[in-house]
Amino acid sequence: MQCYCCEAPIKLAKKVKIRRVRELSPEAIADPAKAVASGAYTAYREEMTYRWAVICLACYRILDNEVGMGEVPGRGIFGLAGASRVDKARVMNEAQYRAFQRKEAAKLGIDLE
């Protein structure tokens, strides 16, 4: 497994709903009518969408706070969804992570076996 935030190899992880926090450039929304169709806005919206990922326990300690946001040194700012904060995130080992990956791949019609 690899931490979504710091990219370190890990044996135990927290399964969280997380997003990378980005700023939307003023140029991307200068014309609101065109903003929704712009590539910059589409990329911003994709980055700011919460998704399931695994992170190391050290990164979880940084992000699991009152705001649910923090800066991972050298990697940027990340935010946790409320369902993953206050130590609600489940700890996973490698076998549980692989089972999670198979389940998510099956939803897309992909067989990881």
PDB file of N, CA and C in Angstrom:
ATOM      1  N   MET A   1       0.851  -1.184   0.000  1.00  0.00           N
ATOM      2  CA  MET A   1       0.000   0.000   0.000  1.00  0.00           C
ATOM      3  C   MET A   1       0.887   1.234   0.000  1.00  0.00           C
ATOM      4  N   GLN A   2       0.313   2.315  -0.456  1.00  0.00           N
ATOM      5  CA  GLN A   2       1.025   3.585  -0.503  1.00  0.00           C
ATOM      6  C   GLN A   2       0.092   4.673   0.006  1.00  0.00           C
ATOM      7  N   CYS A   3       0.619   5.554   0.857  1.00  0.00           N
ATOM      8  CA  CYS A   3      -0.175   6.644   1.410  1.00  0.00           C
ATOM      9  C   CYS A   3      -0.563   7.623   0.302  1.00  0.00           C
ATOM     10  N   TYR A   4      -1.828   7.978   0.241  1.00  0.00           N
ATOM     11  CA  TYR A   4      -2.331   8.920  -0.760  1.00  0.00           C
ATOM     12  C   TYR A   4      -1.692  10.298  -0.588  1.00  0.00           C
ATOM     13  N   CYS A   5      -1.412  10.683   0.650  1.00  0.00           N
ATOM     14  CA  CYS A   5      -0.877  12.020   0.926  1.00  0.00           C
ATOM     15  C   CYS A   5       0.633  12.115   0.720  1.00  0.00           C
ATOM     16  N   CYS A   6       1.383  11.315   1.467  1.00  0.00           N
ATOM     17  CA  CYS A   6       2.849  11.437   1.450  1.00  0.00           C
ATOM     18  C   CYS A   6       3.519  10.419   0.526  1.00  0.00           C
ATOM     19  N   GLU A   7       2.754   9.484  -0.020  1.00  0.00           N
ATOM     20  CA  GLU A   7       3.224   8.450  -0.944  1.00  0.00           C
ATOM     21  C   GLU A   7       4.220   7.471  -0.323  1.00  0.00           C
ATOM     22  N   ALA A   8       4.271   7.413   1.002  1.00  0.00           N
ATOM     23  CA  ALA A   8       5.164   6.467   1.682  1.00  0.00           C
ATOM     24  C   ALA A   8       4.567   5.065   1.628  1.00  0.00           C
ATOM     25  N   PRO A   9       5.411   4.042   1.512  1.00  0.00           N
ATOM     26  CA  PRO A   9       4.900   2.668   1.597  1.00  0.00           C
ATOM     27  C   PRO A   9       4.446   2.396   3.032  1.00  0.00           C
ATOM     28  N   ILE A  10       3.288   1.719   3.176  1.00  0.00           N
ATOM     29  CA  ILE A  10       2.734   1.488   4.511  1.00  0.00           C
ATOM     30  C   ILE A  10       2.199   0.072   4.641  1.00  0.00           C
ATOM     31  N   LYS A  11       2.208  -0.434   5.879  1.00  0.00           N
ATOM     32  CA  LYS A  11       1.659  -1.764   6.162  1.00  0.00           C
ATOM     33  C   LYS A  11       0.275  -1.658   6.788  1.00  0.00           C
ATOM     34  N   LEU A  12       0.034  -0.594   7.553  1.00  0.00           N
ATOM     35  CA  LEU A  12      -1.277  -0.302   8.127  1.00  0.00           C
ATOM     36  C   LEU A  12      -1.710   1.062   7.640  1.00  0.00           C
ATOM     37  N   ALA A  13      -2.987   1.178   7.330  1.00  0.00           N
ATOM     38  CA  ALA A  13      -3.487   2.435   6.792  1.00  0.00           C
ATOM     39  C   ALA A  13      -4.856   2.755   7.366  1.00  0.00           C
ATOM     40  N   LYS A  14      -5.237   4.004   7.253  1.00  0.00           N
ATOM     41  CA  LYS A  14      -6.593   4.436   7.574  1.00  0.00           C
ATOM     42  C   LYS A  14      -7.317   4.631   6.249  1.00  0.00           C
ATOM     43  N   LYS A  15      -8.492   4.037   6.128  1.00  0.00           N
ATOM     44  CA  LYS A  15      -9.318   4.207   4.932  1.00  0.00           C
ATOM     45  C   LYS A  15     -10.187   5.438   5.169  1.00  0.00           C
ATOM     46  N   VAL A  16     -10.000   6.465   4.347  1.00  0.00           N
ATOM     47  CA  VAL A  16     -10.664   7.748   4.564  1.00  0.00           C
ATOM     48  C   VAL A  16     -11.283   8.283   3.281  1.00  0.00           C
ATOM     49  N   LYS A  17     -12.221   9.196   3.444  1.00  0.00           N
ATOM     50  CA  LYS A  17     -12.715  10.009   2.328  1.00  0.00           C
ATOM     51  C   LYS A  17     -11.905  11.283   2.390  1.00  0.00           C
ATOM     52  N   ILE A  18     -11.161  11.558   1.332  1.00  0.00           N
ATOM     53  CA  ILE A  18     -10.188  12.643   1.343  1.00  0.00           C
ATOM     54  C   ILE A  18     -10.215  13.410   0.026  1.00  0.00           C
ATOM     55  N   ARG A  19      -9.739  14.638   0.088  1.00  0.00           N
ATOM     56  CA  ARG A  19      -9.565  15.418  -1.136  1.00  0.00           C
ATOM     57  C   ARG A  19      -8.325  16.288  -0.982  1.00  0.00           C
ATOM     58  N   ARG A  20      -7.724  16.599  -2.097  1.00  0.00           N
ATOM     59  CA  ARG A  20      -6.605  17.546  -2.130  1.00  0.00           C
ATOM     60  C   ARG A  20      -7.233  18.934  -2.268  1.00  0.00           C
ATOM     61  N   VAL A  21      -6.822  19.859  -1.435  1.00  0.00           N
ATOM     62  CA  VAL A  21      -7.406  21.203  -1.444  1.00  0.00           C
ATOM     63  C   VAL A  21      -6.626  22.073  -2.419  1.00  0.00           C
ATOM     64  N   ARG A  22      -7.333  22.655  -3.360  1.00  0.00           N
ATOM     65  CA  ARG A  22      -6.748  23.525  -4.383  1.00  0.00           C
ATOM     66  C   ARG A  22      -7.463  24.862  -4.391  1.00  0.00           C
ATOM     67  N   GLU A  23      -6.774  25.862  -4.902  1.00  0.00           N
ATOM     68  CA  GLU A  23      -7.404  27.166  -5.114  1.00  0.00           C
ATOM     69  C   GLU A  23      -7.822  27.236  -6.573  1.00  0.00           C
ATOM     70  N   LEU A  24      -8.970  27.820  -6.795  1.00  0.00           N
ATOM     71  CA  LEU A  24      -9.444  28.025  -8.164  1.00  0.00           C
ATOM     72  C   LEU A  24      -8.927  29.371  -8.637  1.00  0.00           C
ATOM     73  N   SER A  25      -8.210  29.379  -9.737  1.00  0.00           N
ATOM     74  CA  SER A  25      -7.629  30.625 -10.226  1.00  0.00           C
ATOM     75  C   SER A  25      -8.739  31.571 -10.695  1.00  0.00           C
ATOM     76  N   PRO A  26      -8.570  32.857 -10.427  1.00  0.00           N
ATOM     77  CA  PRO A  26      -9.584  33.838 -10.839  1.00  0.00           C
ATOM     78  C   PRO A  26      -9.839  33.821 -12.346  1.00  0.00           C
ATOM     79  N   GLU A  27      -8.801  33.509 -13.138  1.00  0.00           N
ATOM     80  CA  GLU A  27      -8.972  33.464 -14.598  1.00  0.00           C
ATOM     81  C   GLU A  27      -9.957  32.367 -15.004  1.00  0.00           C
ATOM     82  N   ALA A  28      -9.993  31.287 -14.233  1.00  0.00           N
ATOM     83  CA  ALA A  28     -10.862  30.157 -14.567  1.00  0.00           C
ATOM     84  C   ALA A  28     -12.335  30.498 -14.397  1.00  0.00           C
ATOM     85  N   ILE A  29     -12.635  31.498 -13.568  1.00  0.00           N
ATOM     86  CA  ILE A  29     -14.036  31.849 -13.339  1.00  0.00           C
ATOM     87  C   ILE A  29     -14.351  33.295 -13.725  1.00  0.00           C
ATOM     88  N   ALA A  30     -13.482  33.902 -14.555  1.00  0.00           N
ATOM     89  CA  ALA A  30     -13.701  35.288 -14.973  1.00  0.00           C
ATOM     90  C   ALA A  30     -15.048  35.445 -15.670  1.00  0.00           C
ATOM     91  N   ASP A  31     -15.406  34.491 -16.487  1.00  0.00           N
ATOM     92  CA  ASP A  31     -16.698  34.499 -17.170  1.00  0.00           C
ATOM     93  C   ASP A  31     -17.490  33.293 -16.660  1.00  0.00           C
ATOM     94  N   PRO A  32     -18.430  33.506 -15.722  1.00  0.00           N
ATOM     95  CA  PRO A  32     -19.168  32.374 -15.135  1.00  0.00           C
ATOM     96  C   PRO A  32     -19.847  31.472 -16.154  1.00  0.00           C
ATOM     97  N   ALA A  33     -20.294  32.026 -17.264  1.00  0.00           N
ATOM     98  CA  ALA A  33     -20.964  31.215 -18.277  1.00  0.00           C
ATOM     99  C   ALA A  33     -19.997  30.215 -18.910  1.00  0.00           C
ATOM    100  N   LYS A  34     -18.742  30.606 -19.058  1.00  0.00           N
ATOM    101  CA  LYS A  34     -17.742  29.724 -19.662  1.00  0.00           C
ATOM    102  C   LYS A  34     -17.017  28.872 -18.621  1.00  0.00           C
ATOM    103  N   ALA A  35     -17.083  29.280 -17.350  1.00  0.00           N
ATOM    104  CA  ALA A  35     -16.316  28.608 -16.295  1.00  0.00           C
ATOM    105  C   ALA A  35     -16.679  27.137 -16.162  1.00  0.00           C
ATOM    106  N   VAL A  36     -17.967  26.823 -16.231  1.00  0.00           N
ATOM    107  CA  VAL A  36     -18.415  25.442 -16.031  1.00  0.00           C
ATOM    108  C   VAL A  36     -17.841  24.518 -17.105  1.00  0.00           C
ATOM    109  N   ALA A  37     -17.635  25.031 -18.301  1.00  0.00           N
ATOM    110  CA  ALA A  37     -17.131  24.209 -19.396  1.00  0.00           C
ATOM    111  C   ALA A  37     -15.605  24.251 -19.523  1.00  0.00           C
ATOM    112  N   SER A  38     -14.936  25.056 -18.702  1.00  0.00           N
ATOM    113  CA  SER A  38     -13.490  25.200 -18.853  1.00  0.00           C
ATOM    114  C   SER A  38     -12.745  23.998 -18.289  1.00  0.00           C
ATOM    115  N   GLY A  39     -11.611  23.715 -18.878  1.00  0.00           N
ATOM    116  CA  GLY A  39     -10.771  22.626 -18.395  1.00  0.00           C
ATOM    117  C   GLY A  39     -10.242  22.893 -16.994  1.00  0.00           C
ATOM    118  N   ALA A  40      -9.923  24.166 -16.700  1.00  0.00           N
ATOM    119  CA  ALA A  40      -9.403  24.522 -15.378  1.00  0.00           C
ATOM    120  C   ALA A  40     -10.449  24.253 -14.294  1.00  0.00           C
ATOM    121  N   TYR A  41     -11.703  24.603 -14.591  1.00  0.00           N
ATOM    122  CA  TYR A  41     -12.753  24.379 -13.600  1.00  0.00           C
ATOM    123  C   TYR A  41     -13.045  22.886 -13.439  1.00  0.00           C
ATOM    124  N   THR A  42     -13.016  22.147 -14.528  1.00  0.00           N
ATOM    125  CA  THR A  42     -13.245  20.702 -14.469  1.00  0.00           C
ATOM    126  C   THR A  42     -12.154  20.033 -13.631  1.00  0.00           C
ATOM    127  N   ALA A  43     -10.906  20.428 -13.830  1.00  0.00           N
ATOM    128  CA  ALA A  43      -9.799  19.873 -13.047  1.00  0.00           C
ATOM    129  C   ALA A  43      -9.939  20.244 -11.575  1.00  0.00           C
ATOM    130  N   TYR A  44     -10.327  21.479 -11.308  1.00  0.00           N
ATOM    131  CA  TYR A  44     -10.533  21.939  -9.925  1.00  0.00           C
ATOM    132  C   TYR A  44     -11.624  21.110  -9.243  1.00  0.00           C
ATOM    133  N   ARG A  45     -12.742  20.938  -9.933  1.00  0.00           N
ATOM    134  CA  ARG A  45     -13.861  20.182  -9.373  1.00  0.00           C
ATOM    135  C   ARG A  45     -13.469  18.728  -9.105  1.00  0.00           C
ATOM    136  N   GLU A  46     -12.695  18.133 -10.000  1.00  0.00           N
ATOM    137  CA  GLU A  46     -12.231  16.751  -9.826  1.00  0.00           C
ATOM    138  C   GLU A  46     -11.311  16.637  -8.613  1.00  0.00           C
ATOM    139  N   GLU A  47     -10.379  17.569  -8.467  1.00  0.00           N
ATOM    140  CA  GLU A  47      -9.460  17.548  -7.321  1.00  0.00           C
ATOM    141  C   GLU A  47     -10.199  17.760  -6.004  1.00  0.00           C
ATOM    142  N   MET A  48     -11.247  18.565  -6.002  1.00  0.00           N
ATOM    143  CA  MET A  48     -11.943  18.919  -4.773  1.00  0.00           C
ATOM    144  C   MET A  48     -13.067  17.945  -4.409  1.00  0.00           C
ATOM    145  N   THR A  49     -13.199  16.853  -5.144  1.00  0.00           N
ATOM    146  CA  THR A  49     -14.196  15.838  -4.841  1.00  0.00           C
ATOM    147  C   THR A  49     -13.608  14.827  -3.858  1.00  0.00           C
ATOM    148  N   TYR A  50     -14.357  14.555  -2.785  1.00  0.00           N
ATOM    149  CA  TYR A  50     -13.895  13.550  -1.826  1.00  0.00           C
ATOM    150  C   TYR A  50     -13.928  12.173  -2.477  1.00  0.00           C
ATOM    151  N   ARG A  51     -12.900  11.357  -2.188  1.00  0.00           N
ATOM    152  CA  ARG A  51     -12.853   9.989  -2.686  1.00  0.00           C
ATOM    153  C   ARG A  51     -12.211   9.092  -1.644  1.00  0.00           C
ATOM    154  N   TRP A  52     -12.489   7.802  -1.750  1.00  0.00           N
ATOM    155  CA  TRP A  52     -11.892   6.846  -0.823  1.00  0.00           C
ATOM    156  C   TRP A  52     -10.423   6.683  -1.154  1.00  0.00           C
ATOM    157  N   ALA A  53      -9.606   6.671  -0.117  1.00  0.00           N
ATOM    158  CA  ALA A  53      -8.174   6.433  -0.264  1.00  0.00           C
ATOM    159  C   ALA A  53      -7.639   5.907   1.060  1.00  0.00           C
ATOM    160  N   VAL A  54      -6.411   5.442   1.025  1.00  0.00           N
ATOM    161  CA  VAL A  54      -5.759   5.016   2.263  1.00  0.00           C
ATOM    162  C   VAL A  54      -4.605   5.962   2.541  1.00  0.00           C
ATOM    163  N   ILE A  55      -4.453   6.300   3.812  1.00  0.00           N
ATOM    164  CA  ILE A  55      -3.362   7.179   4.215  1.00  0.00           C
ATOM    165  C   ILE A  55      -2.656   6.572   5.429  1.00  0.00           C
ATOM    166  N   CYS A  56      -1.411   6.972   5.623  1.00  0.00           N
ATOM    167  CA  CYS A  56      -0.646   6.458   6.759  1.00  0.00           C
ATOM    168  C   CYS A  56      -1.162   7.082   8.057  1.00  0.00           C
ATOM    169  N   LEU A  57      -0.798   6.461   9.150  1.00  0.00           N
ATOM    170  CA  LEU A  57      -1.258   6.936  10.452  1.00  0.00           C
ATOM    171  C   LEU A  57      -0.696   8.316  10.776  1.00  0.00           C
ATOM    172  N   ALA A  58       0.526   8.612  10.313  1.00  0.00           N
ATOM    173  CA  ALA A  58       1.122   9.933  10.566  1.00  0.00           C
ATOM    174  C   ALA A  58       0.330  11.035   9.846  1.00  0.00           C
ATOM    175  N   CYS A  59      -0.029  10.813   8.602  1.00  0.00           N
ATOM    176  CA  CYS A  59      -0.824  11.807   7.861  1.00  0.00           C
ATOM    177  C   CYS A  59      -2.214  11.945   8.476  1.00  0.00           C
ATOM    178  N   TYR A  60      -2.773  10.832   8.936  1.00  0.00           N
ATOM    179  CA  TYR A  60      -4.092  10.891   9.565  1.00  0.00           C
ATOM    180  C   TYR A  60      -4.050  11.771  10.805  1.00  0.00           C
ATOM    181  N   ARG A  61      -2.979  11.672  11.594  1.00  0.00           N
ATOM    182  CA  ARG A  61      -2.857  12.517  12.791  1.00  0.00           C
ATOM    183  C   ARG A  61      -2.809  14.000  12.412  1.00  0.00           C
ATOM    184  N   ILE A  62      -2.188  14.319  11.282  1.00  0.00           N
ATOM    185  CA  ILE A  62      -2.123  15.706  10.824  1.00  0.00           C
ATOM    186  C   ILE A  62      -3.509  16.206  10.423  1.00  0.00           C
ATOM    187  N   LEU A  63      -4.271  15.372   9.729  1.00  0.00           N
ATOM    188  CA  LEU A  63      -5.545  15.798   9.141  1.00  0.00           C
ATOM    189  C   LEU A  63      -6.750  15.643  10.059  1.00  0.00           C
ATOM    190  N   ASP A  64      -6.666  14.771  11.042  1.00  0.00           N
ATOM    191  CA  ASP A  64      -7.810  14.525  11.930  1.00  0.00           C
ATOM    192  C   ASP A  64      -7.832  15.573  13.042  1.00  0.00           C
ATOM    193  N   ASN A  65      -8.411  16.722  12.707  1.00  0.00           N
ATOM    194  CA  ASN A  65      -8.515  17.819  13.661  1.00  0.00           C
ATOM    195  C   ASN A  65      -9.900  18.447  13.561  1.00  0.00           C
ATOM    196  N   GLU A  66     -10.134  19.534  14.257  1.00  0.00           N
ATOM    197  CA  GLU A  66     -11.459  20.165  14.277  1.00  0.00           C
ATOM    198  C   GLU A  66     -11.922  20.615  12.904  1.00  0.00           C
ATOM    199  N   VAL A  67     -10.975  21.040  12.080  1.00  0.00           N
ATOM    200  CA  VAL A  67     -11.306  21.542  10.748  1.00  0.00           C
ATOM    201  C   VAL A  67     -11.322  20.408   9.722  1.00  0.00           C
ATOM    202  N   GLY A  68     -10.576  19.344   9.990  1.00  0.00           N
ATOM    203  CA  GLY A  68     -10.489  18.241   9.039  1.00  0.00           C
ATOM    204  C   GLY A  68      -9.588  18.541   7.879  1.00  0.00           C
ATOM    205  N   MET A  69      -8.649  19.447   8.101  1.00  0.00           N
ATOM    206  CA  MET A  69      -7.757  19.870   7.048  1.00  0.00           C
ATOM    207  C   MET A  69      -6.370  20.095   7.625  1.00  0.00           C
ATOM    208  N   GLY A  70      -5.359  19.883   6.817  1.00  0.00           N
ATOM    209  CA  GLY A  70      -4.003  20.136   7.256  1.00  0.00           C
ATOM    210  C   GLY A  70      -3.032  20.027   6.107  1.00  0.00           C
ATOM    211  N   GLU A  71      -1.818  20.481   6.370  1.00  0.00           N
ATOM    212  CA  GLU A  71      -0.789  20.437   5.335  1.00  0.00           C
ATOM    213  C   GLU A  71       0.172  19.294   5.613  1.00  0.00           C
ATOM    214  N   VAL A  72       0.320  18.434   4.627  1.00  0.00           N
ATOM    215  CA  VAL A  72       1.286  17.347   4.697  1.00  0.00           C
ATOM    216  C   VAL A  72       2.587  17.923   4.132  1.00  0.00           C
ATOM    217  N   PRO A  73       3.644  17.964   4.937  1.00  0.00           N
ATOM    218  CA  PRO A  73       4.897  18.595   4.501  1.00  0.00           C
ATOM    219  C   PRO A  73       5.362  18.131   3.123  1.00  0.00           C
ATOM    220  N   GLY A  74       5.570  19.103   2.259  1.00  0.00           N
ATOM    221  CA  GLY A  74       6.057  18.834   0.916  1.00  0.00           C
ATOM    222  C   GLY A  74       5.034  18.293  -0.061  1.00  0.00           C
ATOM    223  N   ARG A  75       3.788  18.080   0.364  1.00  0.00           N
ATOM    224  CA  ARG A  75       2.777  17.479  -0.512  1.00  0.00           C
ATOM    225  C   ARG A  75       1.545  18.350  -0.703  1.00  0.00           C
ATOM    226  N   GLY A  76       1.313  19.311   0.162  1.00  0.00           N
ATOM    227  CA  GLY A  76       0.169  20.195  -0.003  1.00  0.00           C
ATOM    228  C   GLY A  76      -0.876  20.025   1.081  1.00  0.00           C
ATOM    229  N   ILE A  77      -2.020  20.659   0.846  1.00  0.00           N
ATOM    230  CA  ILE A  77      -3.112  20.665   1.818  1.00  0.00           C
ATOM    231  C   ILE A  77      -4.152  19.627   1.412  1.00  0.00           C
ATOM    232  N   PHE A  78      -4.609  18.866   2.401  1.00  0.00           N
ATOM    233  CA  PHE A  78      -5.615  17.837   2.190  1.00  0.00           C
ATOM    234  C   PHE A  78      -6.741  18.051   3.183  1.00  0.00           C
ATOM    235  N   GLY A  79      -7.933  17.573   2.828  1.00  0.00           N
ATOM    236  CA  GLY A  79      -9.078  17.663   3.712  1.00  0.00           C
ATOM    237  C   GLY A  79      -9.762  16.314   3.860  1.00  0.00           C
ATOM    238  N   LEU A  80     -10.218  16.032   5.071  1.00  0.00           N
ATOM    239  CA  LEU A  80     -10.962  14.802   5.349  1.00  0.00           C
ATOM    240  C   LEU A  80     -12.450  15.111   5.421  1.00  0.00           C
ATOM    241  N   ALA A  81     -13.263  14.209   4.922  1.00  0.00           N
ATOM    242  CA  ALA A  81     -14.718  14.323   5.065  1.00  0.00           C
ATOM    243  C   ALA A  81     -15.071  14.063   6.529  1.00  0.00           C
ATOM    244  N   GLY A  82     -16.189  14.597   6.976  1.00  0.00           N
ATOM    245  CA  GLY A  82     -16.621  14.433   8.358  1.00  0.00           C
ATOM    246  C   GLY A  82     -16.718  12.987   8.789  1.00  0.00           C
ATOM    247  N   ALA A  83     -17.107  12.099   7.883  1.00  0.00           N
ATOM    248  CA  ALA A  83     -17.245  10.675   8.216  1.00  0.00           C
ATOM    249  C   ALA A  83     -15.907  10.017   8.534  1.00  0.00           C
ATOM    250  N   SER A  84     -14.807  10.645   8.166  1.00  0.00           N
ATOM    251  CA  SER A  84     -13.479  10.066   8.404  1.00  0.00           C
ATOM    252  C   SER A  84     -12.749  10.727   9.567  1.00  0.00           C
ATOM    253  N   ARG A  85     -13.348  11.747  10.156  1.00  0.00           N
ATOM    254  CA  ARG A  85     -12.677  12.469  11.244  1.00  0.00           C
ATOM    255  C   ARG A  85     -13.040  11.899  12.611  1.00  0.00           C
ATOM    256  N   VAL A  86     -12.425  12.452  13.636  1.00  0.00           N
ATOM    257  CA  VAL A  86     -12.645  12.086  15.041  1.00  0.00           C
ATOM    258  C   VAL A  86     -12.386  10.591  15.246  1.00  0.00           C
ATOM    259  N   ASP A  87     -11.317  10.126  14.636  1.00  0.00           N
ATOM    260  CA  ASP A  87     -10.874   8.738  14.740  1.00  0.00           C
ATOM    261  C   ASP A  87     -11.936   7.732  14.288  1.00  0.00           C
ATOM    262  N   LYS A  88     -12.795   8.136  13.330  1.00  0.00           N
ATOM    263  CA  LYS A  88     -13.817   7.230  12.800  1.00  0.00           C
ATOM    264  C   LYS A  88     -13.287   6.353  11.664  1.00  0.00           C
ATOM    265  N   ALA A  89     -12.155   6.738  11.081  1.00  0.00           N
ATOM    266  CA  ALA A  89     -11.621   5.992   9.948  1.00  0.00           C
ATOM    267  C   ALA A  89     -11.124   4.623  10.390  1.00  0.00           C
ATOM    268  N   ARG A  90     -11.415   3.646   9.592  1.00  0.00           N
ATOM    269  CA  ARG A  90     -11.057   2.262   9.909  1.00  0.00           C
ATOM    270  C   ARG A  90      -9.604   1.982   9.533  1.00  0.00           C
ATOM    271  N   VAL A  91      -8.942   1.181  10.337  1.00  0.00           N
ATOM    272  CA  VAL A  91      -7.568   0.757  10.061  1.00  0.00           C
ATOM    273  C   VAL A  91      -7.621  -0.483   9.175  1.00  0.00           C
ATOM    274  N   MET A  92      -6.780  -0.492   8.146  1.00  0.00           N
ATOM    275  CA  MET A  92      -6.735  -1.609   7.209  1.00  0.00           C
ATOM    276  C   MET A  92      -5.320  -2.158   7.107  1.00  0.00           C
ATOM    277  N   ASN A  93      -5.233  -3.478   6.912  1.00  0.00           N
ATOM    278  CA  ASN A  93      -3.945  -4.080   6.589  1.00  0.00           C
ATOM    279  C   ASN A  93      -3.923  -4.369   5.089  1.00  0.00           C
ATOM    280  N   GLU A  94      -2.850  -4.972   4.614  1.00  0.00           N
ATOM    281  CA  GLU A  94      -2.697  -5.225   3.178  1.00  0.00           C
ATOM    282  C   GLU A  94      -3.818  -6.097   2.608  1.00  0.00           C
ATOM    283  N   ALA A  95      -4.198  -7.168   3.322  1.00  0.00           N
ATOM    284  CA  ALA A  95      -5.246  -8.079   2.836  1.00  0.00           C
ATOM    285  C   ALA A  95      -6.593  -7.363   2.733  1.00  0.00           C
ATOM    286  N   GLN A  96      -6.915  -6.564   3.723  1.00  0.00           N
ATOM    287  CA  GLN A  96      -8.182  -5.812   3.693  1.00  0.00           C
ATOM    288  C   GLN A  96      -8.169  -4.785   2.572  1.00  0.00           C
ATOM    289  N   TYR A  97      -7.015  -4.170   2.337  1.00  0.00           N
ATOM    290  CA  TYR A  97      -6.883  -3.195   1.256  1.00  0.00           C
ATOM    291  C   TYR A  97      -7.103  -3.850  -0.101  1.00  0.00           C
ATOM    292  N   ARG A  98      -6.513  -5.025  -0.291  1.00  0.00           N
ATOM    293  CA  ARG A  98      -6.684  -5.743  -1.568  1.00  0.00           C
ATOM    294  C   ARG A  98      -8.150  -6.132  -1.788  1.00  0.00           C
ATOM    295  N   ALA A  99      -8.832  -6.541  -0.726  1.00  0.00           N
ATOM    296  CA  ALA A  99     -10.258  -6.868  -0.821  1.00  0.00           C
ATOM    297  C   ALA A  99     -11.054  -5.615  -1.203  1.00  0.00           C
ATOM    298  N   PHE A 100     -10.709  -4.486  -0.631  1.00  0.00           N
ATOM    299  CA  PHE A 100     -11.355  -3.216  -0.964  1.00  0.00           C
ATOM    300  C   PHE A 100     -11.121  -2.880  -2.437  1.00  0.00           C
ATOM    301  N   GLN A 101      -9.891  -3.064  -2.921  1.00  0.00           N
ATOM    302  CA  GLN A 101      -9.580  -2.798  -4.326  1.00  0.00           C
ATOM    303  C   GLN A 101     -10.384  -3.699  -5.259  1.00  0.00           C
ATOM    304  N   ARG A 102     -10.488  -4.977  -4.928  1.00  0.00           N
ATOM    305  CA  ARG A 102     -11.267  -5.906  -5.766  1.00  0.00           C
ATOM    306  C   ARG A 102     -12.729  -5.486  -5.817  1.00  0.00           C
ATOM    307  N   LYS A 103     -13.275  -5.082  -4.679  1.00  0.00           N
ATOM    308  CA  LYS A 103     -14.680  -4.667  -4.612  1.00  0.00           C
ATOM    309  C   LYS A 103     -14.916  -3.419  -5.480  1.00  0.00           C
ATOM    310  N   GLU A 104     -14.020  -2.447  -5.374  1.00  0.00           N
ATOM    311  CA  GLU A 104     -14.158  -1.224  -6.174  1.00  0.00           C
ATOM    312  C   GLU A 104     -13.972  -1.514  -7.675  1.00  0.00           C
ATOM    313  N   ALA A 105     -13.048  -2.387  -8.021  1.00  0.00           N
ATOM    314  CA  ALA A 105     -12.822  -2.749  -9.419  1.00  0.00           C
ATOM    315  C   ALA A 105     -14.036  -3.484  -9.983  1.00  0.00           C
ATOM    316  N   ALA A 106     -14.651  -4.342  -9.174  1.00  0.00           N
ATOM    317  CA  ALA A 106     -15.841  -5.084  -9.618  1.00  0.00           C
ATOM    318  C   ALA A 106     -16.982  -4.131  -9.967  1.00  0.00           C
ATOM    319  N   LYS A 107     -17.083  -3.025  -9.259  1.00  0.00           N
ATOM    320  CA  LYS A 107     -18.109  -2.025  -9.577  1.00  0.00           C
ATOM    321  C   LYS A 107     -17.936  -1.461 -10.968  1.00  0.00           C
ATOM    322  N   LEU A 108     -16.673  -1.461 -11.445  1.00  0.00           N
ATOM    323  CA  LEU A 108     -16.356  -0.944 -12.780  1.00  0.00           C
ATOM    324  C   LEU A 108     -16.297  -2.051 -13.823  1.00  0.00           C
ATOM    325  N   GLY A 109     -16.563  -3.279 -13.392  1.00  0.00           N
ATOM    326  CA  GLY A 109     -16.533  -4.400 -14.316  1.00  0.00           C
ATOM    327  C   GLY A 109     -15.133  -4.926 -14.581  1.00  0.00           C
ATOM    328  N   ILE A 110     -14.205  -4.638 -13.670  1.00  0.00           N
ATOM    329  CA  ILE A 110     -12.810  -5.083 -13.833  1.00  0.00           C
ATOM    330  C   ILE A 110     -12.551  -6.235 -12.871  1.00  0.00           C
ATOM    331  N   ASP A 111     -11.909  -7.286 -13.371  1.00  0.00           N
ATOM    332  CA  ASP A 111     -11.542  -8.425 -12.539  1.00  0.00           C
ATOM    333  C   ASP A 111     -10.053  -8.357 -12.235  1.00  0.00           C
ATOM    334  N   LEU A 112      -9.693  -8.144 -10.969  1.00  0.00           N
ATOM    335  CA  LEU A 112      -8.287  -8.014 -10.588  1.00  0.00           C
ATOM    336  C   LEU A 112      -7.597  -9.348 -10.347  1.00  0.00           C
ATOM    337  N   GLU A 113      -8.306 -10.442 -10.458  1.00  0.00           N
ATOM    338  CA  GLU A 113      -7.695 -11.758 -10.209  1.00  0.00           C
ATOM    339  C   GLU A 113      -6.806 -12.170 -11.324  1.00  0.00           C
TER     340      GLU A 113
END
